[in-house]
PDB file of N, CA and C in Angstrom:
ATOM      1  N   UNK A   1     -64.992 -17.396-191.678  1.00  0.00           N
ATOM      2  CA  UNK A   1     -63.661 -18.028-190.999  1.00  0.00           C
ATOM      3  C   UNK A   1     -63.203 -16.601-190.397  1.00  0.00           C
ATOM      4  N   UNK A   2     -63.156 -17.029-188.747  1.00  0.00           N
ATOM      5  CA  UNK A   2     -62.722 -15.291-188.153  1.00  0.00           C
ATOM      6  C   UNK A   2     -61.206 -14.889-188.666  1.00  0.00           C
ATOM      7  N   UNK A   3     -61.258 -13.650-188.163  1.00  0.00           N
ATOM      8  CA  UNK A   3     -60.204 -13.005-188.649  1.00  0.00           C
ATOM      9  C   UNK A   3     -59.722 -12.598-187.142  1.00  0.00           C
ATOM     10  N   UNK A   4     -58.429 -12.725-186.086  1.00  0.00           N
ATOM     11  CA  UNK A   4     -57.750 -13.938-186.534  1.00  0.00           C
ATOM     12  C   UNK A   4     -58.583 -15.228-186.331  1.00  0.00           C
ATOM     13  N   UNK A   5     -57.985 -16.292-187.112  1.00  0.00           N
ATOM     14  CA  UNK A   5     -58.809 -17.560-187.015  1.00  0.00           C
ATOM     15  C   UNK A   5     -58.743 -18.457-185.458  1.00  0.00           C
ATOM     16  N   UNK A   6     -59.994 -18.748-185.262  1.00  0.00           N
ATOM     17  CA  UNK A   6     -60.047 -19.242-183.844  1.00  0.00           C
ATOM     18  C   UNK A   6     -59.419 -20.836-183.966  1.00  0.00           C
ATOM     19  N   UNK A   7     -58.927 -21.074-182.925  1.00  0.00           N
ATOM     20  CA  UNK A   7     -58.141 -22.610-182.591  1.00  0.00           C
ATOM     21  C   UNK A   7     -58.667 -23.145-181.289  1.00  0.00           C
ATOM     22  N   UNK A   8     -58.088 -24.104-180.944  1.00  0.00           N
ATOM     23  CA  UNK A   8     -58.517 -24.812-179.548  1.00  0.00           C
ATOM     24  C   UNK A   8     -57.762 -24.267-178.305  1.00  0.00           C
ATOM     25  N   UNK A   9     -56.862 -23.286-178.463  1.00  0.00           N
ATOM     26  CA  UNK A   9     -56.450 -22.603-177.474  1.00  0.00           C
ATOM     27  C   UNK A   9     -56.964 -21.206-176.994  1.00  0.00           C
ATOM     28  N   UNK A  10     -57.978 -21.125-177.874  1.00  0.00           N
ATOM     29  CA  UNK A  10     -58.694 -19.936-177.368  1.00  0.00           C
ATOM     30  C   UNK A  10     -59.464 -20.337-176.237  1.00  0.00           C
ATOM     31  N   UNK A  11     -59.560 -19.681-174.892  1.00  0.00           N
ATOM     32  CA  UNK A  11     -60.204 -20.050-173.914  1.00  0.00           C
ATOM     33  C   UNK A  11     -61.511 -19.451-173.747  1.00  0.00           C
ATOM     34  N   UNK A  12     -61.902 -18.064-174.417  1.00  0.00           N
ATOM     35  CA  UNK A  12     -63.025 -17.394-174.443  1.00  0.00           C
ATOM     36  C   UNK A  12     -64.017 -17.762-175.220  1.00  0.00           C
ATOM     37  N   UNK A  13     -64.034 -19.289-175.876  1.00  0.00           N
ATOM     38  CA  UNK A  13     -65.227 -19.338-176.411  1.00  0.00           C
ATOM     39  C   UNK A  13     -66.210 -20.832-175.974  1.00  0.00           C
ATOM     40  N   UNK A  14     -67.722 -20.876-176.499  1.00  0.00           N
ATOM     41  CA  UNK A  14     -68.287 -21.383-176.176  1.00  0.00           C
ATOM     42  C   UNK A  14     -68.183 -22.843-176.765  1.00  0.00           C
ATOM     43  N   UNK A  15     -69.361 -23.777-176.350  1.00  0.00           N
ATOM     44  CA  UNK A  15     -68.801 -25.066-176.845  1.00  0.00           C
ATOM     45  C   UNK A  15     -69.319 -25.057-178.312  1.00  0.00           C
ATOM     46  N   UNK A  16     -70.029 -24.151-179.264  1.00  0.00           N
ATOM     47  CA  UNK A  16     -70.294 -23.794-180.604  1.00  0.00           C
ATOM     48  C   UNK A  16     -69.280 -23.346-181.121  1.00  0.00           C
ATOM     49  N   UNK A  17     -68.185 -22.735-180.415  1.00  0.00           N
ATOM     50  CA  UNK A  17     -67.130 -21.908-180.988  1.00  0.00           C
ATOM     51  C   UNK A  17     -67.165 -20.441-181.379  1.00  0.00           C
ATOM     52  N   UNK A  18     -68.383 -20.088-180.733  1.00  0.00           N
ATOM     53  CA  UNK A  18     -68.644 -18.541-180.993  1.00  0.00           C
ATOM     54  C   UNK A  18     -67.605 -17.878-179.493  1.00  0.00           C
ATOM     55  N   UNK A  19     -67.511 -16.898-179.765  1.00  0.00           N
ATOM     56  CA  UNK A  19     -66.428 -15.838-178.663  1.00  0.00           C
ATOM     57  C   UNK A  19     -67.850 -15.504-177.562  1.00  0.00           C
ATOM     58  N   UNK A  20     -67.186 -15.922-176.635  1.00  0.00           N
ATOM     59  CA  UNK A  20     -68.432 -15.337-175.296  1.00  0.00           C
ATOM     60  C   UNK A  20     -68.821 -13.930-175.360  1.00  0.00           C
ATOM     61  N   UNK A  21     -67.887 -12.939-175.834  1.00  0.00           N
ATOM     62  CA  UNK A  21     -68.286 -11.364-175.821  1.00  0.00           C
ATOM     63  C   UNK A  21     -69.267 -11.048-176.972  1.00  0.00           C
ATOM     64  N   UNK A  22     -69.105 -11.799-178.004  1.00  0.00           N
ATOM     65  CA  UNK A  22     -69.847 -11.805-179.021  1.00  0.00           C
ATOM     66  C   UNK A  22     -71.357 -12.395-179.053  1.00  0.00           C
ATOM     67  N   UNK A  23     -71.293 -13.394-178.240  1.00  0.00           N
ATOM     68  CA  UNK A  23     -73.024 -14.031-177.625  1.00  0.00           C
ATOM     69  C   UNK A  23     -73.463 -13.271-176.883  1.00  0.00           C
ATOM     70  N   UNK A  24     -72.821 -12.442-175.952  1.00  0.00           N
ATOM     71  CA  UNK A  24     -73.311 -11.553-174.988  1.00  0.00           C
ATOM     72  C   UNK A  24     -73.742 -10.393-175.844  1.00  0.00           C
ATOM     73  N   UNK A  25     -73.056  -9.795-176.738  1.00  0.00           N
ATOM     74  CA  UNK A  25     -73.891  -8.746-177.448  1.00  0.00           C
ATOM     75  C   UNK A  25     -75.116  -9.208-178.224  1.00  0.00           C
ATOM     76  N   UNK A  26     -75.344 -10.485-178.706  1.00  0.00           N
ATOM     77  CA  UNK A  26     -76.714 -11.075-179.099  1.00  0.00           C
ATOM     78  C   UNK A  26     -77.528 -11.012-178.417  1.00  0.00           C
ATOM     79  N   UNK A  27     -77.324 -11.337-177.031  1.00  0.00           N
ATOM     80  CA  UNK A  27     -78.207 -11.694-176.013  1.00  0.00           C
ATOM     81  C   UNK A  27     -78.916 -10.265-175.345  1.00  0.00           C
ATOM     82  N   UNK A  28     -77.879  -9.435-175.380  1.00  0.00           N
ATOM     83  CA  UNK A  28     -78.125  -8.098-174.984  1.00  0.00           C
ATOM     84  C   UNK A  28     -79.422  -7.385-176.356  1.00  0.00           C
ATOM     85  N   UNK A  29     -78.712  -7.495-177.445  1.00  0.00           N
ATOM     86  CA  UNK A  29     -79.604  -6.807-178.340  1.00  0.00           C
ATOM     87  C   UNK A  29     -80.958  -7.474-178.434  1.00  0.00           C
ATOM     88  N   UNK A  30     -81.020  -8.930-178.191  1.00  0.00           N
ATOM     89  CA  UNK A  30     -82.541  -9.511-178.222  1.00  0.00           C
ATOM     90  C   UNK A  30     -83.553  -8.779-176.757  1.00  0.00           C
ATOM     91  N   UNK A  31     -82.616  -8.730-175.490  1.00  0.00           N
ATOM     92  CA  UNK A  31     -83.165  -8.258-174.337  1.00  0.00           C
ATOM     93  C   UNK A  31     -83.535  -6.953-174.639  1.00  0.00           C
ATOM     94  N   UNK A  32     -82.995  -5.982-175.238  1.00  0.00           N
ATOM     95  CA  UNK A  32     -83.263  -4.439-175.254  1.00  0.00           C
ATOM     96  C   UNK A  32     -83.859  -4.427-176.837  1.00  0.00           C
ATOM     97  N   UNK A  33     -84.575  -5.701-177.549  1.00  0.00           N
ATOM     98  CA  UNK A  33     -85.479  -5.665-178.595  1.00  0.00           C
ATOM     99  C   UNK A  33     -84.883  -4.931-179.783  1.00  0.00           C
ATOM    100  N   UNK A  34     -83.601  -4.780-179.947  1.00  0.00           N
ATOM    101  CA  UNK A  34     -83.010  -4.151-181.110  1.00  0.00           C
ATOM    102  C   UNK A  34     -83.130  -5.396-182.196  1.00  0.00           C
ATOM    103  N   UNK A  35     -82.764  -6.622-181.536  1.00  0.00           N
ATOM    104  CA  UNK A  35     -83.468  -7.880-182.607  1.00  0.00           C
ATOM    105  C   UNK A  35     -84.479  -8.741-181.843  1.00  0.00           C
ATOM    106  N   UNK A  36     -85.231  -9.126-182.474  1.00  0.00           N
ATOM    107  CA  UNK A  36     -86.293  -9.949-181.926  1.00  0.00           C
ATOM    108  C   UNK A  36     -86.077 -11.120-181.571  1.00  0.00           C
ATOM    109  N   UNK A  37     -86.375 -11.879-180.493  1.00  0.00           N
ATOM    110  CA  UNK A  37     -86.364 -13.539-180.319  1.00  0.00           C
ATOM    111  C   UNK A  37     -87.239 -14.216-181.395  1.00  0.00           C
ATOM    112  N   UNK A  38     -88.064 -13.477-182.381  1.00  0.00           N
ATOM    113  CA  UNK A  38     -88.687 -14.321-183.415  1.00  0.00           C
ATOM    114  C   UNK A  38     -87.383 -14.269-184.568  1.00  0.00           C
ATOM    115  N   UNK A  39     -86.538 -13.272-184.808  1.00  0.00           N
ATOM    116  CA  UNK A  39     -85.491 -13.416-185.630  1.00  0.00           C
ATOM    117  C   UNK A  39     -84.528 -14.621-185.385  1.00  0.00           C
ATOM    118  N   UNK A  40     -84.290 -14.638-183.634  1.00  0.00           N
ATOM    119  CA  UNK A  40     -83.258 -15.852-183.390  1.00  0.00           C
ATOM    120  C   UNK A  40     -83.738 -17.173-183.557  1.00  0.00           C
ATOM    121  N   UNK A  41     -84.994 -17.212-183.198  1.00  0.00           N
ATOM    122  CA  UNK A  41     -85.835 -18.508-183.394  1.00  0.00           C
ATOM    123  C   UNK A  41     -86.045 -18.958-184.822  1.00  0.00           C
ATOM    124  N   UNK A  42     -86.087 -17.892-185.671  1.00  0.00           N
ATOM    125  CA  UNK A  42     -86.182 -18.327-187.345  1.00  0.00           C
ATOM    126  C   UNK A  42     -84.716 -18.867-187.689  1.00  0.00           C
ATOM    127  N   UNK A  43     -83.330 -18.144-187.092  1.00  0.00           N
ATOM    128  CA  UNK A  43     -82.277 -18.780-187.413  1.00  0.00           C
ATOM    129  C   UNK A  43     -81.766 -19.991-187.171  1.00  0.00           C
ATOM    130  N   UNK A  44     -82.648 -20.194-185.843  1.00  0.00           N
ATOM    131  CA  UNK A  44     -82.278 -21.337-185.022  1.00  0.00           C
ATOM    132  C   UNK A  44     -82.797 -22.807-185.654  1.00  0.00           C
ATOM    133  N   UNK A  45     -84.371 -22.161-186.429  1.00  0.00           N
ATOM    134  CA  UNK A  45     -84.925 -23.258-187.246  1.00  0.00           C
ATOM    135  C   UNK A  45     -84.340 -23.667-188.528  1.00  0.00           C
ATOM    136  N   UNK A  46     -83.270 -22.745-188.824  1.00  0.00           N
ATOM    137  CA  UNK A  46     -82.493 -23.250-190.054  1.00  0.00           C
ATOM    138  C   UNK A  46     -81.274 -23.766-190.207  1.00  0.00           C
ATOM    139  N   UNK A  47     -80.841 -23.811-188.819  1.00  0.00           N
ATOM    140  CA  UNK A  47     -79.889 -24.640-188.139  1.00  0.00           C
ATOM    141  C   UNK A  47     -79.076 -23.735-187.842  1.00  0.00           C
ATOM    142  N   UNK A  48     -78.944 -22.492-187.600  1.00  0.00           N
ATOM    143  CA  UNK A  48     -77.952 -21.444-187.424  1.00  0.00           C
ATOM    144  C   UNK A  48     -77.614 -21.457-185.792  1.00  0.00           C
ATOM    145  N   UNK A  49     -78.514 -21.886-185.008  1.00  0.00           N
ATOM    146  CA  UNK A  49     -78.546 -22.051-183.560  1.00  0.00           C
ATOM    147  C   UNK A  49     -78.920 -20.564-183.153  1.00  0.00           C
ATOM    148  N   UNK A  50     -78.328 -19.611-182.218  1.00  0.00           N
ATOM    149  CA  UNK A  50     -78.631 -18.552-181.763  1.00  0.00           C
ATOM    150  C   UNK A  50     -78.364 -17.439-182.527  1.00  0.00           C
ATOM    151  N   UNK A  51     -77.378 -17.849-183.658  1.00  0.00           N
ATOM    152  CA  UNK A  51     -76.837 -16.672-184.016  1.00  0.00           C
ATOM    153  C   UNK A  51     -78.048 -15.896-184.868  1.00  0.00           C
ATOM    154  N   UNK A  52     -78.011 -14.548-184.548  1.00  0.00           N
ATOM    155  CA  UNK A  52     -79.012 -13.409-185.122  1.00  0.00           C
ATOM    156  C   UNK A  52     -77.988 -12.263-185.748  1.00  0.00           C
ATOM    157  N   UNK A  53     -76.808 -12.190-185.341  1.00  0.00           N
ATOM    158  CA  UNK A  53     -75.957 -10.947-186.014  1.00  0.00           C
ATOM    159  C   UNK A  53     -74.828 -11.730-186.541  1.00  0.00           C
ATOM    160  N   UNK A  54     -74.313 -11.343-187.466  1.00  0.00           N
ATOM    161  CA  UNK A  54     -73.302 -11.830-188.298  1.00  0.00           C
ATOM    162  C   UNK A  54     -71.934 -11.334-187.370  1.00  0.00           C
ATOM    163  N   UNK A  55     -70.777 -12.081-187.544  1.00  0.00           N
ATOM    164  CA  UNK A  55     -69.477 -11.613-186.855  1.00  0.00           C
ATOM    165  C   UNK A  55     -69.008 -10.281-187.123  1.00  0.00           C
ATOM    166  N   UNK A  56     -69.275  -9.927-188.131  1.00  0.00           N
ATOM    167  CA  UNK A  56     -68.870  -8.276-188.614  1.00  0.00           C
ATOM    168  C   UNK A  56     -69.283  -7.398-187.604  1.00  0.00           C
ATOM    169  N   UNK A  57     -71.087  -7.599-187.537  1.00  0.00           N
ATOM    170  CA  UNK A  57     -71.835  -6.784-186.795  1.00  0.00           C
ATOM    171  C   UNK A  57     -71.229  -6.655-185.237  1.00  0.00           C
ATOM    172  N   UNK A  58     -71.132  -7.874-184.960  1.00  0.00           N
ATOM    173  CA  UNK A  58     -70.940  -8.013-183.194  1.00  0.00           C
ATOM    174  C   UNK A  58     -69.398  -7.461-183.066  1.00  0.00           C
ATOM    175  N   UNK A  59     -68.128  -7.622-184.051  1.00  0.00           N
ATOM    176  CA  UNK A  59     -66.991  -7.226-184.002  1.00  0.00           C
ATOM    177  C   UNK A  59     -66.944  -5.768-183.965  1.00  0.00           C
ATOM    178  N   UNK A  60     -67.843  -4.879-184.960  1.00  0.00           N
ATOM    179  CA  UNK A  60     -68.258  -3.604-185.042  1.00  0.00           C
ATOM    180  C   UNK A  60     -68.480  -3.148-183.703  1.00  0.00           C
ATOM    181  N   UNK A  61     -69.553  -3.507-182.910  1.00  0.00           N
ATOM    182  CA  UNK A  61     -70.120  -3.216-181.708  1.00  0.00           C
ATOM    183  C   UNK A  61     -68.978  -3.146-180.931  1.00  0.00           C
ATOM    184  N   UNK A  62     -68.293  -4.071-180.549  1.00  0.00           N
ATOM    185  CA  UNK A  62     -66.746  -4.246-179.450  1.00  0.00           C
ATOM    186  C   UNK A  62     -66.057  -3.082-179.968  1.00  0.00           C
ATOM    187  N   UNK A  63     -65.688  -2.722-181.153  1.00  0.00           N
ATOM    188  CA  UNK A  63     -64.887  -1.913-181.388  1.00  0.00           C
ATOM    189  C   UNK A  63     -65.424  -0.325-181.204  1.00  0.00           C
ATOM    190  N   UNK A  64     -66.929  -0.076-181.232  1.00  0.00           N
ATOM    191  CA  UNK A  64     -67.420   1.067-181.199  1.00  0.00           C
ATOM    192  C   UNK A  64     -67.256   1.400-179.563  1.00  0.00           C
ATOM    193  N   UNK A  65     -67.533   0.209-178.737  1.00  0.00           N
ATOM    194  CA  UNK A  65     -67.276   0.283-177.341  1.00  0.00           C
ATOM    195  C   UNK A  65     -65.928   0.630-176.830  1.00  0.00           C
ATOM    196  N   UNK A  66     -65.135   0.071-177.357  1.00  0.00           N
ATOM    197  CA  UNK A  66     -63.717   0.444-177.460  1.00  0.00           C
ATOM    198  C   UNK A  66     -63.540   1.920-177.415  1.00  0.00           C
ATOM    199  N   UNK A  67     -63.837   2.126-178.702  1.00  0.00           N
ATOM    200  CA  UNK A  67     -63.827   3.641-179.082  1.00  0.00           C
ATOM    201  C   UNK A  67     -64.644   4.966-178.163  1.00  0.00           C
ATOM    202  N   UNK A  68     -65.676   4.219-177.741  1.00  0.00           N
ATOM    203  CA  UNK A  68     -66.356   5.090-176.966  1.00  0.00           C
ATOM    204  C   UNK A  68     -65.724   4.901-175.203  1.00  0.00           C
ATOM    205  N   UNK A  69     -64.651   4.068-174.972  1.00  0.00           N
ATOM    206  CA  UNK A  69     -64.259   3.691-173.578  1.00  0.00           C
ATOM    207  C   UNK A  69     -65.121   2.848-172.686  1.00  0.00           C
ATOM    208  N   UNK A  70     -65.862   2.422-173.346  1.00  0.00           N
ATOM    209  CA  UNK A  70     -66.920   1.434-172.773  1.00  0.00           C
ATOM    210  C   UNK A  70     -66.483   0.042-172.714  1.00  0.00           C
ATOM    211  N   UNK A  71     -67.319  -0.624-172.410  1.00  0.00           N
ATOM    212  CA  UNK A  71     -66.981  -2.193-172.390  1.00  0.00           C
ATOM    213  C   UNK A  71     -68.379  -3.222-172.349  1.00  0.00           C
ATOM    214  N   UNK A  72     -68.321  -4.364-172.443  1.00  0.00           N
ATOM    215  CA  UNK A  72     -69.388  -5.147-172.695  1.00  0.00           C
ATOM    216  C   UNK A  72     -70.088  -5.301-171.081  1.00  0.00           C
ATOM    217  N   UNK A  73     -69.540  -4.728-170.223  1.00  0.00           N
ATOM    218  CA  UNK A  73     -70.057  -4.429-168.817  1.00  0.00           C
ATOM    219  C   UNK A  73     -71.013  -3.480-168.872  1.00  0.00           C
ATOM    220  N   UNK A  74     -70.871  -2.444-169.681  1.00  0.00           N
ATOM    221  CA  UNK A  74     -71.977  -1.060-169.897  1.00  0.00           C
ATOM    222  C   UNK A  74     -73.255  -1.490-170.513  1.00  0.00           C
ATOM    223  N   UNK A  75     -72.962  -2.428-171.471  1.00  0.00           N
ATOM    224  CA  UNK A  75     -74.034  -3.200-172.109  1.00  0.00           C
ATOM    225  C   UNK A  75     -74.852  -3.952-171.348  1.00  0.00           C
ATOM    226  N   UNK A  76     -74.213  -4.706-170.313  1.00  0.00           N
ATOM    227  CA  UNK A  76     -74.922  -5.693-169.599  1.00  0.00           C
ATOM    228  C   UNK A  76     -75.634  -4.774-168.528  1.00  0.00           C
ATOM    229  N   UNK A  77     -75.185  -3.687-168.037  1.00  0.00           N
ATOM    230  CA  UNK A  77     -76.001  -2.709-167.198  1.00  0.00           C
ATOM    231  C   UNK A  77     -77.598  -2.215-167.644  1.00  0.00           C
ATOM    232  N   UNK A  78     -77.468  -2.298-168.916  1.00  0.00           N
ATOM    233  CA  UNK A  78     -78.644  -2.030-169.386  1.00  0.00           C
ATOM    234  C   UNK A  78     -79.789  -3.032-169.391  1.00  0.00           C
ATOM    235  N   UNK A  79     -79.510  -4.102-169.278  1.00  0.00           N
ATOM    236  CA  UNK A  79     -80.567  -5.275-168.983  1.00  0.00           C
ATOM    237  C   UNK A  79     -80.523  -5.692-167.547  1.00  0.00           C
ATOM    238  N   UNK A  80     -79.838  -5.321-166.777  1.00  0.00           N
ATOM    239  CA  UNK A  80     -80.113  -5.932-165.470  1.00  0.00           C
ATOM    240  C   UNK A  80     -81.149  -5.048-164.652  1.00  0.00           C
ATOM    241  N   UNK A  81     -81.815  -6.040-163.908  1.00  0.00           N
ATOM    242  CA  UNK A  81     -83.187  -5.583-163.393  1.00  0.00           C
ATOM    243  C   UNK A  81     -82.567  -4.819-161.976  1.00  0.00           C
TER     244      UNK A  81
END
């Protein structure tokens, strides 16, 4: 259960209930090769969908970015052509 809990009023959610920023972090990690597509596909086969990182890891990444004065946009710059 996320802390704070997610509810229907949260507007930054995907249909699966994942937070958009956290899903972007996973996508960036895959694109950078930090986690592999094989890991994501393996988790998908287990019925866990795209999730390849746990919520604590995603939240920790966002906190580190904030601490460094950066944002998700800085990570996105790393994977743009």
